[in-house]
PDB file of all heavy atoms in Angstrom:
ATOM      1  N   MET A   1       9.219  12.523  10.454  1.00  0.00           N
ATOM      2  CA  MET A   1       9.587  12.519   9.025  1.00  0.00           C
ATOM      3  C   MET A   1       8.350  12.205   8.143  1.00  0.00           C
ATOM      4  O   MET A   1       7.487  11.341   8.598  1.00  0.00           O
ATOM      5  CB  MET A   1      10.710  11.508   8.736  1.00  0.00           C
ATOM      6  CG  MET A   1      12.050  11.898   9.412  1.00  0.00           C
ATOM      7  SD  MET A   1      13.336  10.743   9.031  1.00  0.00           S
ATOM      8  CE  MET A   1      14.763  11.531   9.781  1.00  0.00           C
ATOM      9  N   GLY A   2       8.295  12.697   6.949  1.00  0.00           N
ATOM     10  CA  GLY A   2       7.070  12.474   6.117  1.00  0.00           C
ATOM     11  C   GLY A   2       7.214  11.147   5.370  1.00  0.00           C
ATOM     12  O   GLY A   2       6.226  10.709   4.710  1.00  0.00           O
ATOM     13  N   VAL A   3       8.404  10.588   5.316  1.00  0.00           N
ATOM     14  CA  VAL A   3       8.629   9.262   4.724  1.00  0.00           C
ATOM     15  C   VAL A   3       9.466   8.459   5.704  1.00  0.00           C
ATOM     16  O   VAL A   3      10.422   8.863   6.253  1.00  0.00           O
ATOM     17  CB  VAL A   3       9.413   9.335   3.353  1.00  0.00           C
ATOM     18  CG1 VAL A   3       9.918   7.968   2.927  1.00  0.00           C
ATOM     19  CG2 VAL A   3       8.461   9.941   2.234  1.00  0.00           C
ATOM     20  N   ASN A   4       8.995   7.209   5.962  1.00  0.00           N
ATOM     21  CA  ASN A   4       9.770   6.280   6.865  1.00  0.00           C
ATOM     22  C   ASN A   4      11.123   6.030   6.301  1.00  0.00           C
ATOM     23  O   ASN A   4      11.261   5.457   5.158  1.00  0.00           O
ATOM     24  CB  ASN A   4       8.957   4.990   7.006  1.00  0.00           C
ATOM     25  CG  ASN A   4       9.444   4.199   8.194  1.00  0.00           C
ATOM     26  OD1 ASN A   4      10.649   4.011   8.365  1.00  0.00           O
ATOM     27  ND2 ASN A   4       8.522   3.706   9.068  1.00  0.00           N
ATOM     28  N   PRO A   5      12.168   6.411   7.043  1.00  0.00           N
ATOM     29  CA  PRO A   5      13.563   6.163   6.532  1.00  0.00           C
ATOM     30  C   PRO A   5      13.855   4.662   6.271  1.00  0.00           C
ATOM     31  O   PRO A   5      14.801   4.371   5.558  1.00  0.00           O
ATOM     32  CB  PRO A   5      14.404   6.812   7.624  1.00  0.00           C
ATOM     33  CG  PRO A   5      13.644   6.807   8.851  1.00  0.00           C
ATOM     34  CD  PRO A   5      12.201   7.007   8.320  1.00  0.00           C
ATOM     35  N   ASN A   6      13.111   3.753   6.930  1.00  0.00           N
ATOM     36  CA  ASN A   6      13.295   2.339   6.796  1.00  0.00           C
ATOM     37  C   ASN A   6      12.241   1.770   5.833  1.00  0.00           C
ATOM     38  O   ASN A   6      11.944   0.509   5.891  1.00  0.00           O
ATOM     39  CB  ASN A   6      13.207   1.613   8.127  1.00  0.00           C
ATOM     40  CG  ASN A   6      14.558   1.814   8.927  1.00  0.00           C
ATOM     41  OD1 ASN A   6      15.466   2.495   8.408  1.00  0.00           O
ATOM     42  ND2 ASN A   6      14.567   1.305  10.080  1.00  0.00           N
ATOM     43  N   ARG A   7      11.685   2.573   4.907  1.00  0.00           N
ATOM     44  CA  ARG A   7      10.548   2.057   4.127  1.00  0.00           C
ATOM     45  C   ARG A   7      10.971   0.812   3.304  1.00  0.00           C
ATOM     46  O   ARG A   7      10.113  -0.053   3.029  1.00  0.00           O
ATOM     47  CB  ARG A   7      10.106   3.093   3.153  1.00  0.00           C
ATOM     48  CG  ARG A   7      11.130   3.590   2.115  1.00  0.00           C
ATOM     49  CD  ARG A   7      10.607   4.705   1.293  1.00  0.00           C
ATOM     50  NE  ARG A   7      11.584   5.252   0.470  1.00  0.00           N
ATOM     51  CZ  ARG A   7      11.813   4.838  -0.748  1.00  0.00           C
ATOM     52  NH1 ARG A   7      11.067   3.841  -1.273  1.00  0.00           N
ATOM     53  NH2 ARG A   7      12.851   5.300  -1.443  1.00  0.00           N
ATOM     54  N   LYS A   8      12.225   0.709   2.869  1.00  0.00           N
ATOM     55  CA  LYS A   8      12.675  -0.436   2.086  1.00  0.00           C
ATOM     56  C   LYS A   8      12.894  -1.680   2.909  1.00  0.00           C
ATOM     57  O   LYS A   8      12.939  -2.809   2.303  1.00  0.00           O
ATOM     58  CB  LYS A   8      13.951  -0.128   1.315  1.00  0.00           C
ATOM     59  CG  LYS A   8      13.748   0.963   0.231  1.00  0.00           C
ATOM     60  CD  LYS A   8      14.982   1.253  -0.578  1.00  0.00           C
ATOM     61  CE  LYS A   8      14.802   2.267  -1.655  1.00  0.00           C
ATOM     62  NZ  LYS A   8      15.985   2.445  -2.387  1.00  0.00           N
ATOM     63  N   LEU A   9      13.005  -1.548   4.245  1.00  0.00           N
ATOM     64  CA  LEU A   9      13.165  -2.661   5.114  1.00  0.00           C
ATOM     65  C   LEU A   9      11.927  -3.162   5.715  1.00  0.00           C
ATOM     66  O   LEU A   9      11.824  -4.355   5.993  1.00  0.00           O
ATOM     67  CB  LEU A   9      14.149  -2.263   6.258  1.00  0.00           C
ATOM     68  CG  LEU A   9      15.504  -1.737   5.915  1.00  0.00           C
ATOM     69  CD1 LEU A   9      16.276  -1.162   7.149  1.00  0.00           C
ATOM     70  CD2 LEU A   9      16.339  -2.809   5.200  1.00  0.00           C
ATOM     71  N   ASN A  10      10.878  -2.339   5.795  1.00  0.00           N
ATOM     72  CA  ASN A  10       9.665  -2.670   6.518  1.00  0.00           C
ATOM     73  C   ASN A  10       8.800  -3.613   5.694  1.00  0.00           C
ATOM     74  O   ASN A  10       8.945  -3.717   4.504  1.00  0.00           O
ATOM     75  CB  ASN A  10       8.909  -1.413   6.903  1.00  0.00           C
ATOM     76  CG  ASN A  10       9.481  -0.662   8.091  1.00  0.00           C
ATOM     77  OD1 ASN A  10      10.203  -1.250   8.941  1.00  0.00           O
ATOM     78  ND2 ASN A  10       9.289   0.603   8.161  1.00  0.00           N
ATOM     79  N   HIS A  11       7.860  -4.280   6.432  1.00  0.00           N
ATOM     80  CA  HIS A  11       6.851  -5.034   5.839  1.00  0.00           C
ATOM     81  C   HIS A  11       5.693  -4.093   5.445  1.00  0.00           C
ATOM     82  O   HIS A  11       4.864  -3.702   6.320  1.00  0.00           O
ATOM     83  CB  HIS A  11       6.326  -6.092   6.729  1.00  0.00           C
ATOM     84  CG  HIS A  11       7.388  -7.012   7.308  1.00  0.00           C
ATOM     85  ND1 HIS A  11       8.171  -7.817   6.452  1.00  0.00           N
ATOM     86  CD2 HIS A  11       7.880  -7.243   8.589  1.00  0.00           C
ATOM     87  CE1 HIS A  11       9.033  -8.461   7.235  1.00  0.00           C
ATOM     88  NE2 HIS A  11       8.885  -8.083   8.522  1.00  0.00           N
ATOM     89  N   ASN A  12       5.691  -3.643   4.209  1.00  0.00           N
ATOM     90  CA  ASN A  12       4.691  -2.652   3.715  1.00  0.00           C
ATOM     91  C   ASN A  12       3.500  -3.375   3.264  1.00  0.00           C
ATOM     92  O   ASN A  12       3.173  -3.458   2.094  1.00  0.00           O
ATOM     93  CB  ASN A  12       5.292  -1.737   2.646  1.00  0.00           C
ATOM     94  CG  ASN A  12       6.383  -0.841   3.171  1.00  0.00           C
ATOM     95  OD1 ASN A  12       6.196  -0.201   4.193  1.00  0.00           O
ATOM     96  ND2 ASN A  12       7.515  -0.804   2.465  1.00  0.00           N
ATOM     97  N   ILE A  13       2.727  -3.889   4.279  1.00  0.00           N
ATOM     98  CA  ILE A  13       1.510  -4.575   3.960  1.00  0.00           C
ATOM     99  C   ILE A  13       0.321  -3.876   4.725  1.00  0.00           C
ATOM    100  O   ILE A  13       0.544  -3.276   5.715  1.00  0.00           O
ATOM    101  CB  ILE A  13       1.616  -6.046   4.393  1.00  0.00           C
ATOM    102  CG1 ILE A  13       1.917  -6.159   5.931  1.00  0.00           C
ATOM    103  CG2 ILE A  13       2.584  -6.810   3.576  1.00  0.00           C
ATOM    104  CD1 ILE A  13       1.973  -7.567   6.450  1.00  0.00           C
ATOM    105  N   PRO A  14      -0.852  -3.910   4.151  1.00  0.00           N
ATOM    106  CA  PRO A  14      -1.964  -3.118   4.737  1.00  0.00           C
ATOM    107  C   PRO A  14      -2.397  -3.784   5.963  1.00  0.00           C
ATOM    108  O   PRO A  14      -2.336  -5.046   6.188  1.00  0.00           O
ATOM    109  CB  PRO A  14      -2.970  -3.179   3.640  1.00  0.00           C
ATOM    110  CG  PRO A  14      -2.767  -4.370   2.825  1.00  0.00           C
ATOM    111  CD  PRO A  14      -1.290  -4.534   2.848  1.00  0.00           C
ATOM    112  N   ILE A  15      -3.059  -3.044   6.888  1.00  0.00           N
ATOM    113  CA  ILE A  15      -3.791  -3.608   8.034  1.00  0.00           C
ATOM    114  C   ILE A  15      -4.904  -4.500   7.437  1.00  0.00           C
ATOM    115  O   ILE A  15      -5.543  -4.118   6.454  1.00  0.00           O
ATOM    116  CB  ILE A  15      -4.353  -2.479   8.867  1.00  0.00           C
ATOM    117  CG1 ILE A  15      -3.319  -1.701   9.516  1.00  0.00           C
ATOM    118  CG2 ILE A  15      -5.413  -2.988   9.806  1.00  0.00           C
ATOM    119  CD1 ILE A  15      -3.687  -0.414  10.282  1.00  0.00           C
ATOM    120  N   GLU A  16      -5.038  -5.637   8.020  1.00  0.00           N
ATOM    121  CA  GLU A  16      -5.967  -6.624   7.521  1.00  0.00           C
ATOM    122  C   GLU A  16      -7.370  -6.232   7.963  1.00  0.00           C
ATOM    123  O   GLU A  16      -7.938  -6.733   8.956  1.00  0.00           O
ATOM    124  CB  GLU A  16      -5.584  -8.059   8.060  1.00  0.00           C
ATOM    125  CG  GLU A  16      -4.334  -8.603   7.558  1.00  0.00           C
ATOM    126  CD  GLU A  16      -4.585  -9.100   6.040  1.00  0.00           C
ATOM    127  OE1 GLU A  16      -5.627  -9.647   5.830  1.00  0.00           O
ATOM    128  OE2 GLU A  16      -3.615  -8.840   5.205  1.00  0.00           O
ATOM    129  N   ASN A  17      -7.954  -5.293   7.268  1.00  0.00           N
ATOM    130  CA  ASN A  17      -9.460  -5.067   7.352  1.00  0.00           C
ATOM    131  C   ASN A  17      -9.896  -4.671   5.988  1.00  0.00           C
ATOM    132  O   ASN A  17      -9.150  -4.430   5.031  1.00  0.00           O
ATOM    133  CB  ASN A  17      -9.708  -3.973   8.405  1.00  0.00           C
ATOM    134  CG  ASN A  17      -9.354  -2.532   7.952  1.00  0.00           C
ATOM    135  OD1 ASN A  17      -8.841  -2.383   6.860  1.00  0.00           O
ATOM    136  ND2 ASN A  17      -9.728  -1.560   8.747  1.00  0.00           N
ATOM    137  N   GLY A  18     -11.211  -4.611   5.796  1.00  0.00           N
ATOM    138  CA  GLY A  18     -11.801  -4.477   4.528  1.00  0.00           C
ATOM    139  C   GLY A  18     -11.407  -3.179   3.847  1.00  0.00           C
ATOM    140  O   GLY A  18     -11.037  -3.168   2.636  1.00  0.00           O
ATOM    141  N   ARG A  19     -11.384  -1.987   4.607  1.00  0.00           N
ATOM    142  CA  ARG A  19     -11.125  -0.740   4.011  1.00  0.00           C
ATOM    143  C   ARG A  19      -9.620  -0.662   3.567  1.00  0.00           C
ATOM    144  O   ARG A  19      -9.441  -0.197   2.402  1.00  0.00           O
ATOM    145  CB  ARG A  19     -11.420   0.376   4.973  1.00  0.00           C
ATOM    146  CG  ARG A  19     -11.098   1.779   4.495  1.00  0.00           C
ATOM    147  CD  ARG A  19     -11.594   2.929   5.412  1.00  0.00           C
ATOM    148  NE  ARG A  19     -11.143   4.139   4.880  1.00  0.00           N
ATOM    149  CZ  ARG A  19     -10.033   4.801   5.167  1.00  0.00           C
ATOM    150  NH1 ARG A  19      -9.205   4.187   6.042  1.00  0.00           N
ATOM    151  NH2 ARG A  19      -9.777   5.982   4.720  1.00  0.00           N
ATOM    152  N   TYR A  20      -8.764  -1.005   4.381  1.00  0.00           N
ATOM    153  CA  TYR A  20      -7.298  -0.879   3.983  1.00  0.00           C
ATOM    154  C   TYR A  20      -6.923  -1.846   2.830  1.00  0.00           C
ATOM    155  O   TYR A  20      -6.130  -1.549   1.981  1.00  0.00           O
ATOM    156  CB  TYR A  20      -6.406  -0.972   5.147  1.00  0.00           C
ATOM    157  CG  TYR A  20      -6.467   0.223   6.036  1.00  0.00           C
ATOM    158  CD1 TYR A  20      -6.783   0.132   7.447  1.00  0.00           C
ATOM    159  CD2 TYR A  20      -6.237   1.516   5.534  1.00  0.00           C
ATOM    160  CE1 TYR A  20      -6.790   1.278   8.199  1.00  0.00           C
ATOM    161  CE2 TYR A  20      -6.222   2.649   6.396  1.00  0.00           C
ATOM    162  CZ  TYR A  20      -6.512   2.484   7.674  1.00  0.00           C
ATOM    163  OH  TYR A  20      -6.552   3.634   8.474  1.00  0.00           O
ATOM    164  N   LYS A  21      -7.462  -3.011   2.872  1.00  0.00           N
ATOM    165  CA  LYS A  21      -7.271  -4.016   1.791  1.00  0.00           C
ATOM    166  C   LYS A  21      -7.814  -3.469   0.495  1.00  0.00           C
ATOM    167  O   LYS A  21      -7.242  -3.611  -0.559  1.00  0.00           O
ATOM    168  CB  LYS A  21      -7.761  -5.400   2.200  1.00  0.00           C
ATOM    169  CG  LYS A  21      -6.998  -6.100   3.226  1.00  0.00           C
ATOM    170  CD  LYS A  21      -7.283  -7.587   3.256  1.00  0.00           C
ATOM    171  CE  LYS A  21      -8.694  -7.864   3.589  1.00  0.00           C
ATOM    172  NZ  LYS A  21      -8.894  -9.388   3.719  1.00  0.00           N
ATOM    173  N   MET A  22      -9.049  -2.881   0.575  1.00  0.00           N
ATOM    174  CA  MET A  22      -9.625  -2.306  -0.628  1.00  0.00           C
ATOM    175  C   MET A  22      -8.799  -1.185  -1.170  1.00  0.00           C
ATOM    176  O   MET A  22      -8.486  -1.115  -2.396  1.00  0.00           O
ATOM    177  CB  MET A  22     -11.027  -1.741  -0.295  1.00  0.00           C
ATOM    178  CG  MET A  22     -11.757  -1.005  -1.383  1.00  0.00           C
ATOM    179  SD  MET A  22     -11.255   0.703  -1.651  1.00  0.00           S
ATOM    180  CE  MET A  22     -11.752   1.368  -0.076  1.00  0.00           C
ATOM    181  N   LEU A  23      -8.268  -0.332  -0.325  1.00  0.00           N
ATOM    182  CA  LEU A  23      -7.517   0.833  -0.666  1.00  0.00           C
ATOM    183  C   LEU A  23      -6.241   0.348  -1.403  1.00  0.00           C
ATOM    184  O   LEU A  23      -5.803   0.881  -2.384  1.00  0.00           O
ATOM    185  CB  LEU A  23      -7.196   1.639   0.491  1.00  0.00           C
ATOM    186  CG  LEU A  23      -6.435   2.952   0.250  1.00  0.00           C
ATOM    187  CD1 LEU A  23      -7.208   3.825  -0.675  1.00  0.00           C
ATOM    188  CD2 LEU A  23      -6.175   3.662   1.593  1.00  0.00           C
ATOM    189  N   PHE A  24      -5.531  -0.613  -0.782  1.00  0.00           N
ATOM    190  CA  PHE A  24      -4.300  -1.190  -1.373  1.00  0.00           C
ATOM    191  C   PHE A  24      -4.556  -1.814  -2.774  1.00  0.00           C
ATOM    192  O   PHE A  24      -3.846  -1.692  -3.696  1.00  0.00           O
ATOM    193  CB  PHE A  24      -3.641  -2.121  -0.432  1.00  0.00           C
ATOM    194  CG  PHE A  24      -2.345  -2.623  -0.915  1.00  0.00           C
ATOM    195  CD1 PHE A  24      -1.332  -1.743  -1.333  1.00  0.00           C
ATOM    196  CD2 PHE A  24      -1.993  -4.013  -1.029  1.00  0.00           C
ATOM    197  CE1 PHE A  24      -0.065  -2.231  -1.721  1.00  0.00           C
ATOM    198  CE2 PHE A  24      -0.801  -4.460  -1.436  1.00  0.00           C
ATOM    199  CZ  PHE A  24       0.184  -3.529  -1.875  1.00  0.00           C
ATOM    200  N   HIS A  25      -5.731  -2.498  -2.875  1.00  0.00           N
ATOM    201  CA  HIS A  25      -6.095  -3.149  -4.114  1.00  0.00           C
ATOM    202  C   HIS A  25      -6.299  -2.058  -5.150  1.00  0.00           C
ATOM    203  O   HIS A  25      -5.862  -2.202  -6.312  1.00  0.00           O
ATOM    204  CB  HIS A  25      -7.308  -3.910  -3.903  1.00  0.00           C
ATOM    205  CG  HIS A  25      -7.873  -4.581  -5.197  1.00  0.00           C
ATOM    206  ND1 HIS A  25      -8.825  -4.034  -6.029  1.00  0.00           N
ATOM    207  CD2 HIS A  25      -7.521  -5.711  -5.836  1.00  0.00           C
ATOM    208  CE1 HIS A  25      -9.145  -4.779  -6.989  1.00  0.00           C
ATOM    209  NE2 HIS A  25      -8.238  -5.824  -7.039  1.00  0.00           N
ATOM    210  N   HIS A  26      -7.002  -0.942  -4.804  1.00  0.00           N
ATOM    211  CA  HIS A  26      -7.230   0.164  -5.643  1.00  0.00           C
ATOM    212  C   HIS A  26      -5.927   0.751  -6.129  1.00  0.00           C
ATOM    213  O   HIS A  26      -5.701   0.978  -7.386  1.00  0.00           O
ATOM    214  CB  HIS A  26      -8.067   1.170  -4.968  1.00  0.00           C
ATOM    215  CG  HIS A  26      -8.315   2.437  -5.767  1.00  0.00           C
ATOM    216  ND1 HIS A  26      -8.844   2.463  -6.984  1.00  0.00           N
ATOM    217  CD2 HIS A  26      -8.069   3.727  -5.393  1.00  0.00           C
ATOM    218  CE1 HIS A  26      -8.889   3.734  -7.454  1.00  0.00           C
ATOM    219  NE2 HIS A  26      -8.452   4.552  -6.504  1.00  0.00           N
ATOM    220  N   LEU A  27      -5.025   1.032  -5.213  1.00  0.00           N
ATOM    221  CA  LEU A  27      -3.799   1.676  -5.558  1.00  0.00           C
ATOM    222  C   LEU A  27      -2.852   0.706  -6.413  1.00  0.00           C
ATOM    223  O   LEU A  27      -2.018   1.170  -7.264  1.00  0.00           O
ATOM    224  CB  LEU A  27      -3.035   2.063  -4.389  1.00  0.00           C
ATOM    225  CG  LEU A  27      -3.763   3.285  -3.579  1.00  0.00           C
ATOM    226  CD1 LEU A  27      -3.040   3.460  -2.167  1.00  0.00           C
ATOM    227  CD2 LEU A  27      -3.628   4.569  -4.390  1.00  0.00           C
ATOM    228  N   SER A  28      -2.981  -0.562  -6.126  1.00  0.00           N
ATOM    229  CA  SER A  28      -2.171  -1.558  -6.917  1.00  0.00           C
ATOM    230  C   SER A  28      -2.635  -1.852  -8.375  1.00  0.00           C
ATOM    231  O   SER A  28      -2.000  -2.533  -9.119  1.00  0.00           O
ATOM    232  CB  SER A  28      -2.114  -2.853  -6.122  1.00  0.00           C
ATOM    233  OG  SER A  28      -1.526  -2.708  -4.860  1.00  0.00           O
ATOM    234  N   SER A  29      -3.811  -1.313  -8.730  1.00  0.00           N
ATOM    235  CA  SER A  29      -4.505  -1.561 -10.027  1.00  0.00           C
ATOM    236  C   SER A  29      -3.990  -0.632 -11.111  1.00  0.00           C
ATOM    237  O   SER A  29      -4.630  -0.577 -12.227  1.00  0.00           O
ATOM    238  CB  SER A  29      -6.016  -1.536  -9.849  1.00  0.00           C
ATOM    239  OG  SER A  29      -6.423  -0.306  -9.599  1.00  0.00           O
ATOM    240  N   PHE A  30      -2.931   0.148 -10.771  1.00  0.00           N
ATOM    241  CA  PHE A  30      -2.521   1.177 -11.780  1.00  0.00           C
ATOM    242  C   PHE A  30      -2.207   0.681 -13.163  1.00  0.00           C
ATOM    243  O   PHE A  30      -2.451   1.308 -14.216  1.00  0.00           O
ATOM    244  CB  PHE A  30      -1.388   2.047 -11.248  1.00  0.00           C
ATOM    245  CG  PHE A  30      -0.156   1.215 -11.068  1.00  0.00           C
ATOM    246  CD1 PHE A  30       0.753   1.100 -12.027  1.00  0.00           C
ATOM    247  CD2 PHE A  30       0.190   0.734  -9.739  1.00  0.00           C
ATOM    248  CE1 PHE A  30       1.953   0.376 -11.849  1.00  0.00           C
ATOM    249  CE2 PHE A  30       1.301   0.031  -9.540  1.00  0.00           C
ATOM    250  CZ  PHE A  30       2.249  -0.172 -10.562  1.00  0.00           C
ATOM    251  N   SER A  31      -1.784  -0.604 -13.215  1.00  0.00           N
ATOM    252  CA  SER A  31      -1.404  -1.140 -14.518  1.00  0.00           C
ATOM    253  C   SER A  31      -2.593  -1.300 -15.472  1.00  0.00           C
ATOM    254  O   SER A  31      -2.501  -1.548 -16.688  1.00  0.00           O
ATOM    255  CB  SER A  31      -0.648  -2.485 -14.339  1.00  0.00           C
ATOM    256  OG  SER A  31      -1.491  -3.421 -13.718  1.00  0.00           O
ATOM    257  N   LYS A  32      -3.792  -1.332 -14.837  1.00  0.00           N
ATOM    258  CA  LYS A  32      -5.011  -1.511 -15.711  1.00  0.00           C
ATOM    259  C   LYS A  32      -5.396  -0.291 -16.418  1.00  0.00           C
ATOM    260  O   LYS A  32      -6.299  -0.254 -17.276  1.00  0.00           O
ATOM    261  CB  LYS A  32      -6.200  -1.946 -14.767  1.00  0.00           C
ATOM    262  CG  LYS A  32      -6.009  -3.296 -14.090  1.00  0.00           C
ATOM    263  CD  LYS A  32      -7.150  -3.612 -13.221  1.00  0.00           C
ATOM    264  CE  LYS A  32      -6.986  -5.030 -12.450  1.00  0.00           C
ATOM    265  NZ  LYS A  32      -8.113  -5.303 -11.634  1.00  0.00           N
ATOM    266  N   TYR A  33      -4.804   0.835 -16.081  1.00  0.00           N
ATOM    267  CA  TYR A  33      -5.181   2.164 -16.674  1.00  0.00           C
ATOM    268  C   TYR A  33      -4.199   2.553 -17.787  1.00  0.00           C
ATOM    269  O   TYR A  33      -3.874   3.674 -18.000  1.00  0.00           O
ATOM    270  CB  TYR A  33      -5.285   3.213 -15.623  1.00  0.00           C
ATOM    271  CG  TYR A  33      -6.245   2.930 -14.518  1.00  0.00           C
ATOM    272  CD1 TYR A  33      -5.983   2.234 -13.349  1.00  0.00           C
ATOM    273  CD2 TYR A  33      -7.568   3.464 -14.674  1.00  0.00           C
ATOM    274  CE1 TYR A  33      -6.804   1.970 -12.400  1.00  0.00           C
ATOM    275  CE2 TYR A  33      -8.457   3.150 -13.688  1.00  0.00           C
ATOM    276  CZ  TYR A  33      -8.155   2.398 -12.543  1.00  0.00           C
ATOM    277  OH  TYR A  33      -9.093   2.140 -11.602  1.00  0.00           O
ATOM    278  N   PHE A  34      -3.884   1.622 -18.626  1.00  0.00           N
ATOM    279  CA  PHE A  34      -2.982   1.862 -19.769  1.00  0.00           C
ATOM    280  C   PHE A  34      -3.557   2.839 -20.740  1.00  0.00           C
ATOM    281  O   PHE A  34      -2.803   3.448 -21.500  1.00  0.00           O
ATOM    282  CB  PHE A  34      -2.595   0.563 -20.479  1.00  0.00           C
ATOM    283  CG  PHE A  34      -3.786  -0.197 -21.044  1.00  0.00           C
ATOM    284  CD1 PHE A  34      -4.278   0.109 -22.326  1.00  0.00           C
ATOM    285  CD2 PHE A  34      -4.468  -1.120 -20.359  1.00  0.00           C
ATOM    286  CE1 PHE A  34      -5.348  -0.571 -22.806  1.00  0.00           C
ATOM    287  CE2 PHE A  34      -5.581  -1.825 -20.884  1.00  0.00           C
ATOM    288  CZ  PHE A  34      -6.036  -1.532 -22.117  1.00  0.00           C
TER     289      PHE A  34
END
């Protein structure tokens, strides 16, 4: 499946490394682009 059917149940946290944390930080910054 292209979307995890348990997405609302899972721990949707990035893998703890520099690249994935950076990526999540980038995607989470959408509110700054008002």
